[in-house]
Amino acid sequence: MGDDWRPTASIDCLARRAALLRVVRRFFEERDVCEVETPVMAAAGVTDVNLEGLSVAYTAPGGPTDGRLWLQTSPEYAMKRLLAAGMGAIYQISRAFRAGERGRLHNPEFSLLEWYRPGFDHQALMAEIADLVVAVLPARPVERRTYRQVFQACLAVDPLTVGDNELRALAARHGNGLDVSGLDRDALLDVLMSHAVSPGLGREAFTFVTHFPASQAALARLSPDDPRVAERFELFIDGIEIANGFHELTDAAEQRARFEADRARRAAAGLAQPSVDERLLGALQAGLPPCAGVALGLDRLFMLALGAERIDEVIAFPVERA
């Protein structure tokens, strides 16, 4: 027997992580945001073509096999059901699961901080996120730049108008050897964002990137000024994506159409076909209040706060030691 029973994070680091969790909970308590818990397993998975969920077989007691339950990639759908039921401002520190994600910044099981603010738009929520980050990290300036601006600054192209051939050539040049020949437009943009653009973001300031392409924001409202982009944002610190947020879509019919479009893209790519979450759509139909929400990767934030280089240094047992 070796030492693989030991945690990959030091005991001191785990104790400091626990202290940071108390800071996070105190932040929301002081703002009268209620902590909630929702199921880790659900009947519906995520339809986003860029996310792969994990599922488990499920047999109802005394009955036939019902199929599979999905480990949630985010508690978003259940939390929106609570919002529609009248819960008000809520947050959750949850376990989330995504298949095929392992590396310096990834583990298939990770800690996600998610919160929703009725009455907020994405601009107001970004301000609150900056307040939370400053409660954990030393303060820096805060900047907001559009998706177009960061692409133009880094690659001298407009991501909304660049031709497909030029986009593919750029992705091949900057993709660190990735085969980009079969990728669609959004996947090519993702390659460029992750490999070329994002490493330079958030170095001098906490950087919010706003106005993502509408095709990359299935759960966000479209911009009233330009329907090509959505009211979605991401936060970057030291080249690392920390948070992903939306001014939330509340139209049930539009949300269903976007889910079905995602399923069609997944079918074309040969990916699994999770069913559409009918309970979420029912909540939207009943009336989701106007709100903004965000998912923030706690492990990544704690990496920065604790001076770690890898996610393994701030979690006790990554997948290899689970």
Foldseek 3Di string as FASTA:
>chain_A
DDDLLFFLADPVLQVVLVVLVVLLVVLCVVVVAAEDDDDQWAQFEALALVFAWDWDWDQDVPGGTPGIITGYQDCVLVVLLCLLVPVAKYKYWDWHATPPFDDQEDFRIAIKIKIKHFPDALVVVVVSVLVSLVSQDPAAAEEEAEPQVLCCVFPVDRLLDDDPVVLQVVLCVQQVNDDCPPPDSVVSVVSCCLRTRLQPPAERHWYKYFFAAPLNCLFAAADPVDNRTTGKIWTHHNSDTFKIKHQGDLQLVSSVVSSVVSQVVCVVVVHDRTDDDVSSSVSSVSPRGRMMMMMGGSLVSSCVSVVHRGSSNNDGAGPVSD
